[in-house]
Protein backbone atom coordinates (compact mmCIF):
# COMPACT_ATOMS: atom_id res chain seq x y z
CA MET A 1 -13.65 -9.71 -7.54
CA ILE A 2 -16.98 -7.99 -6.80
CA VAL A 3 -16.33 -7.23 -3.14
CA LEU A 4 -13.01 -5.52 -3.99
CA THR A 5 -14.98 -3.19 -6.26
CA GLU A 6 -17.31 -2.42 -3.35
CA TRP A 7 -14.37 -1.61 -1.04
CA LYS A 8 -12.76 0.50 -3.76
CA THR A 9 -15.95 2.48 -4.29
CA GLN A 10 -16.36 3.01 -0.55
CA VAL A 11 -12.90 4.47 0.01
CA GLU A 12 -13.18 6.64 -3.09
CA GLN A 13 -16.42 8.09 -1.75
CA ALA A 14 -14.72 8.74 1.59
CA LEU A 15 -11.82 10.47 -0.20
CA GLU A 16 -14.20 12.60 -2.23
CA THR A 17 -16.09 13.67 0.91
CA PHE A 18 -12.87 14.67 2.67
CA MET A 19 -11.31 16.44 -0.29
CA ASN A 20 -14.49 18.42 -0.96
CA ARG A 21 -14.16 19.97 2.50
CA LEU A 22 -10.41 20.55 2.37
CA GLU A 23 -9.26 24.15 1.97
CA ALA A 24 -6.37 24.37 -0.52
CA PRO A 25 -5.16 26.55 -3.40
CA ASP A 26 -6.72 25.45 -6.68
CA ARG A 27 -3.50 24.22 -8.28
CA LEU A 28 -2.52 22.26 -5.18
CA ARG A 29 -5.97 20.65 -4.97
CA GLU A 30 -5.81 19.80 -8.66
CA ALA A 31 -2.42 18.10 -8.24
CA MET A 32 -3.59 16.18 -5.17
CA LEU A 33 -6.72 14.96 -6.94
CA TYR A 34 -4.78 14.12 -10.11
CA SER A 35 -2.94 11.38 -8.26
CA LEU A 36 -5.73 10.41 -5.86
CA ASP A 37 -8.10 9.90 -8.80
CA ALA A 38 -5.59 8.01 -10.93
CA GLY A 39 -7.22 4.68 -10.17
CA GLY A 40 -5.23 1.90 -8.63
CA LYS A 41 -6.25 -1.23 -6.80
CA ARG A 42 -6.88 0.42 -3.40
CA VAL A 43 -5.54 -2.74 -1.73
CA ARG A 44 -4.54 -0.97 1.48
CA PRO A 45 -7.99 0.46 2.25
CA ALA A 46 -9.52 -2.82 1.08
CA LEU A 47 -7.58 -4.65 3.80
CA ILE A 48 -9.20 -2.46 6.46
CA TYR A 49 -12.65 -3.21 5.07
CA ALA A 50 -11.82 -6.91 4.70
CA VAL A 51 -11.01 -7.19 8.40
CA LEU A 52 -14.17 -5.27 9.37
CA ASP A 53 -16.24 -7.57 7.13
CA ALA A 54 -14.64 -10.65 8.64
CA TYR A 55 -15.60 -9.53 12.15
CA GLY A 56 -19.05 -8.27 11.21
CA VAL A 57 -18.32 -4.56 11.84
CA ASP A 58 -19.92 -1.78 9.78
CA ARG A 59 -17.55 -0.73 7.01
CA LYS A 60 -18.27 2.95 7.64
CA THR A 61 -16.28 2.57 10.85
CA GLY A 62 -13.16 2.34 8.69
CA ASP A 63 -13.89 5.06 6.13
CA ALA A 64 -11.72 7.85 7.58
CA THR A 65 -8.81 5.52 8.34
CA ALA A 66 -9.03 3.94 4.89
CA ALA A 67 -9.05 7.34 3.18
CA ALA A 68 -6.11 8.55 5.30
CA LEU A 69 -4.12 5.44 4.42
CA GLU A 70 -4.77 5.89 0.69
CA MET A 71 -3.70 9.53 0.93
CA ILE A 72 -0.37 8.50 2.46
CA HIS A 73 0.13 5.77 -0.13
CA THR A 74 -0.61 8.27 -2.91
CA TYR A 75 1.84 10.83 -1.49
CA SER A 76 4.53 8.13 -1.47
CA LEU A 77 3.91 7.36 -5.15
CA ILE A 78 4.15 11.04 -6.13
CA HIS A 79 7.49 11.38 -4.34
CA ASP A 80 8.81 7.99 -5.54
CA ASP A 81 8.29 9.10 -9.15
CA LEU A 82 10.35 12.28 -8.79
CA PRO A 83 13.64 12.63 -10.71
CA ALA A 84 15.60 12.52 -7.43
CA MET A 85 14.08 9.12 -6.63
CA ASP A 86 12.83 6.62 -9.25
CA ASP A 87 12.59 9.23 -12.04
CA ASP A 88 9.47 7.75 -13.62
CA ASP A 89 7.47 9.55 -16.30
CA MET A 90 4.45 7.23 -16.28
CA ARG A 91 2.24 5.96 -13.47
CA ARG A 92 -0.92 3.89 -14.01
CA GLY A 93 -0.85 4.56 -17.72
CA ARG A 94 -0.58 8.35 -17.62
CA PRO A 95 2.06 11.02 -16.91
CA THR A 96 3.34 11.15 -13.35
CA ASN A 97 2.45 14.13 -11.18
CA HIS A 98 5.68 16.06 -11.73
CA ILE A 99 5.36 15.61 -15.51
CA GLU A 100 1.71 16.73 -15.57
CA PHE A 101 2.41 19.71 -13.29
CA ASP A 102 6.02 20.39 -12.22
CA GLU A 103 8.43 19.09 -9.61
CA ALA A 104 7.68 21.75 -6.99
CA THR A 105 3.93 21.27 -7.26
CA ALA A 106 4.31 17.50 -7.10
CA ILE A 107 6.42 17.74 -3.94
CA LEU A 108 3.89 20.05 -2.31
CA ALA A 109 0.95 17.87 -3.38
CA GLY A 110 2.66 14.92 -1.72
CA ASP A 111 3.38 16.98 1.39
CA ALA A 112 -0.27 18.04 1.59
CA LEU A 113 -1.56 14.49 1.17
CA LEU A 114 0.75 13.27 3.93
CA THR A 115 -0.07 15.96 6.46
CA ASN A 116 -3.81 16.14 5.77
CA ALA A 117 -4.05 12.36 5.99
CA PHE A 118 -3.72 12.67 9.76
CA THR A 119 -6.51 15.25 9.85
CA CYS A 120 -8.63 12.79 7.91
CA LEU A 121 -7.79 9.92 10.25
CA LEU A 122 -8.96 11.97 13.24
CA GLU A 123 -12.45 11.86 11.75
CA THR A 124 -12.57 8.11 12.46
CA MET A 125 -15.73 7.15 14.33
CA ALA A 126 -14.02 5.77 17.43
CA ALA A 127 -13.06 6.64 20.99
CA ALA A 128 -10.17 9.06 21.54
CA GLU A 129 -7.81 6.32 22.74
CA VAL A 130 -8.49 4.33 19.57
CA LYS A 131 -7.71 7.37 17.41
CA VAL A 132 -4.45 7.93 19.28
CA LYS A 133 -3.46 4.29 18.75
CA LEU A 134 -4.25 4.53 15.02
CA LEU A 135 -2.27 7.78 14.69
CA GLU A 136 0.71 6.24 16.44
CA ARG A 137 0.64 3.10 14.30
CA LEU A 138 0.19 4.97 11.02
CA ALA A 139 2.98 7.45 11.77
CA ALA A 140 5.32 4.56 12.59
CA ALA A 141 4.34 2.60 9.46
CA ALA A 142 4.81 5.59 7.16
CA GLY A 143 7.91 7.04 8.82
CA ALA A 144 11.61 6.46 9.28
CA ALA A 145 11.31 2.95 10.71
CA GLY A 146 8.74 1.98 8.09
CA MET A 147 7.99 3.03 4.53
CA VAL A 148 10.37 6.01 4.31
CA GLY A 149 13.31 4.11 5.77
CA GLY A 150 12.62 1.20 3.45
CA GLN A 151 12.56 3.53 0.44
CA LEU A 152 15.94 4.99 1.41
CA ASP A 153 17.52 1.55 1.83
CA ASP A 154 16.01 0.52 -1.50
CA MET A 155 17.65 3.52 -3.19
CA LEU A 156 20.98 2.86 -1.48
CA GLY A 157 20.80 -0.76 -2.58
CA GLU A 158 20.45 0.03 -6.28
CA ARG A 159 23.28 -0.67 -8.70
CA GLY A 160 24.12 -4.06 -7.26
CA GLY A 161 24.20 -3.10 -3.59
CA ILE A 162 21.77 -5.85 -2.51
CA SER A 163 23.14 -9.34 -2.90
CA ASP A 164 20.66 -11.67 -1.20
CA ALA A 165 16.90 -12.14 -0.86
CA GLU A 166 16.98 -11.79 2.93
CA GLU A 167 18.26 -8.23 2.70
CA LEU A 168 15.74 -7.46 -0.03
CA GLU A 169 12.92 -8.83 2.14
CA SER A 170 14.00 -6.61 5.02
CA ILE A 171 13.71 -3.56 2.77
CA HIS A 172 10.31 -4.49 1.40
CA ARG A 173 8.87 -5.38 4.80
CA ARG A 174 9.23 -1.65 5.40
CA LYS A 175 8.89 -0.01 1.98
CA THR A 176 5.89 -2.03 0.79
CA GLY A 177 4.80 -4.05 3.78
CA ALA A 178 4.56 -1.44 6.53
CA LEU A 179 1.36 0.19 5.23
CA LEU A 180 -0.19 -3.20 4.43
CA ILE A 181 0.51 -4.40 7.96
CA PHE A 182 -0.96 -1.16 9.32
CA ALA A 183 -4.11 -1.72 7.25
CA VAL A 184 -4.94 -5.10 8.78
CA GLU A 185 -3.86 -3.94 12.23
CA ALA A 186 -6.10 -0.86 11.92
CA GLY A 187 -9.02 -3.04 10.90
CA GLY A 188 -8.38 -5.20 13.95
CA ILE A 189 -8.14 -2.19 16.27
CA LEU A 190 -11.38 -0.73 14.90
CA ALA A 191 -13.10 -4.11 15.23
CA GLY A 192 -11.88 -4.49 18.82
CA VAL A 193 -10.38 -7.95 18.22
CA ALA A 194 -8.55 -9.94 20.87
CA ASP A 195 -4.77 -9.59 21.13
CA GLU A 196 -4.25 -13.10 19.76
CA ASP A 197 -6.19 -12.28 16.61
CA LEU A 198 -4.41 -8.93 16.24
CA GLU A 199 -1.05 -10.72 16.21
CA GLN A 200 -2.28 -13.14 13.53
CA LEU A 201 -3.62 -10.25 11.46
CA LYS A 202 -0.21 -8.56 11.58
CA ARG A 203 1.44 -11.86 10.67
CA TYR A 204 -0.91 -12.13 7.70
CA GLY A 205 -0.05 -8.55 6.71
CA ARG A 206 3.69 -9.22 6.85
CA HIS A 207 3.46 -12.17 4.48
CA LEU A 208 0.92 -10.46 2.23
CA GLY A 209 3.28 -7.48 1.92
CA ILE A 210 6.19 -9.60 0.72
CA ALA A 211 3.91 -11.57 -1.59
CA PHE A 212 2.66 -8.28 -3.04
CA GLN A 213 6.22 -7.13 -3.77
CA ILE A 214 7.31 -10.44 -5.27
CA GLN A 215 4.32 -10.40 -7.61
CA ASP A 216 5.17 -6.79 -8.58
CA ASP A 217 8.71 -7.91 -9.41
CA ILE A 218 7.44 -10.86 -11.43
CA LEU A 219 5.05 -8.62 -13.39
CA ASP A 220 7.96 -6.33 -14.25
CA VAL A 221 9.42 -9.32 -16.10
CA THR A 222 6.33 -11.08 -17.47
CA GLY A 223 3.58 -8.44 -17.41
CA ASP A 224 1.82 -6.39 -20.07
CA ALA A 225 2.90 -2.73 -20.13
CA ASP A 226 -0.66 -1.60 -20.93
CA LYS A 227 -1.96 -3.40 -17.85
CA ILE A 228 0.77 -2.53 -15.33
CA GLY A 229 0.88 1.10 -16.47
CA LYS A 230 4.65 1.30 -16.96
CA PRO A 231 7.26 -0.20 -19.30
CA VAL A 232 8.00 -3.90 -18.70
CA GLY A 233 11.60 -4.42 -17.61
CA SER A 234 11.98 -0.97 -16.03
CA ASP A 235 13.41 -2.50 -12.84
CA GLU A 236 16.08 -4.36 -14.81
CA GLY A 237 16.79 -1.22 -16.82
CA ASN A 238 17.41 0.67 -13.57
CA ASP A 239 19.56 -2.21 -12.26
CA LYS A 240 17.24 -2.63 -9.28
CA ALA A 241 17.49 -5.60 -6.97
CA THR A 242 14.36 -7.71 -7.42
CA TYR A 243 13.32 -11.23 -6.50
CA PRO A 244 13.61 -12.51 -10.09
CA LYS A 245 17.06 -10.95 -10.37
CA LEU A 246 18.31 -12.55 -7.14
CA LEU A 247 16.41 -15.86 -7.28
CA GLY A 248 15.57 -16.28 -10.95
CA LEU A 249 11.98 -16.22 -12.17
CA ASP A 250 11.21 -19.77 -10.97
CA GLY A 251 12.83 -19.04 -7.61
CA ALA A 252 10.75 -15.89 -7.25
CA LYS A 253 7.59 -17.89 -7.93
CA ARG A 254 8.57 -20.41 -5.25
CA ALA A 255 9.23 -17.57 -2.79
CA LEU A 256 5.80 -16.16 -3.63
CA ALA A 257 4.16 -19.52 -2.94
CA ALA A 258 5.92 -19.75 0.44
CA GLN A 259 4.62 -16.32 1.47
CA VAL A 260 1.09 -17.25 0.41
CA THR A 261 1.24 -20.43 2.49
CA ALA A 262 2.39 -18.49 5.55
CA ALA A 263 -0.33 -15.86 5.07
CA ASN A 264 -2.99 -18.56 4.79
CA GLU A 265 -1.71 -20.17 8.00
CA ALA A 266 -2.22 -16.85 9.79
CA ILE A 267 -5.77 -16.65 8.45
CA GLU A 268 -6.53 -20.16 9.67
CA ALA A 269 -5.33 -19.20 13.17
CA LEU A 270 -7.95 -16.44 13.49
CA SER A 271 -11.06 -16.89 15.62
CA VAL A 272 -13.35 -16.08 12.66
CA GLU A 273 -13.82 -17.40 9.14
CA ALA A 274 -11.91 -14.63 7.37
CA THR A 275 -12.97 -15.29 3.78
CA PRO A 276 -12.47 -11.63 2.74
CA LEU A 277 -8.78 -11.86 3.69
CA LYS A 278 -8.41 -15.09 1.72
CA ASP A 279 -10.01 -13.44 -1.29
CA LEU A 280 -7.66 -10.44 -1.09
CA LEU A 281 -4.62 -12.66 -0.80
CA ASP A 282 -5.78 -14.59 -3.86
CA PHE A 283 -6.25 -11.33 -5.77
CA VAL A 284 -2.78 -10.04 -4.84
CA VAL A 285 -0.95 -13.11 -6.12
CA LYS A 286 -3.04 -13.64 -9.26
CA ARG A 287 -3.33 -10.03 -10.42
CA ASP A 288 -1.87 -8.97 -13.77
CA HIS A 289 -1.37 -5.30 -12.92
């Protein structure tokens, strides 16, 4: 997907520009960059650029917001991998941050990425009221009612505590979906879209987020460890609730198809021909890593 590569390159350049100006102790900077530069699909920033492309707005408008979003996503991965959380030793095919450095440094690197993300977002080329709206939305998406709360409920639900797909979906709408929904909403805010389109973008983001998680769960069963960057079957080994576990592999694939249909319906309801959003949705459900 050529355009995804373009979006990925753009946000990585924006991250490099911001990090080059950031004052930080050498070891802390090294730990932050270790995880920021670990690769990844950059789907969240790509969603911002996809919306801007769909509405004919200069991608540079979204650079600071896209970089801030990727910083928050990266902080969440560093903390998720810690022994007190998922206790993972590998991420994207190499040692996790706390293995490469140490637990204290990893925690502080995550803290720095989270807090400095909001400094980065304030560099967005937009009016003050737009920046305030973006700050409010991002804080809500990343915080207690969003990603962090979803992560806690996911941890509490381990060891057989989640018994149905509806409860699992509620968790992942926050843990995985909140930042994805923010991404398309942020793109819409920066593009100045009408309220009707903004609602459809958020609807698209909600279904994309669940589709993303279902595909992750499926890859944990059927994927290639070299491609997904972690051992296949790690979710089952940790007795995590997943869509294949609750619905069976075929049931999970049907649930994925239903989310894709709903996301496509949201795209069709937009006032523009949003081909970039269709392409991203297609990538998310067909990816092998």
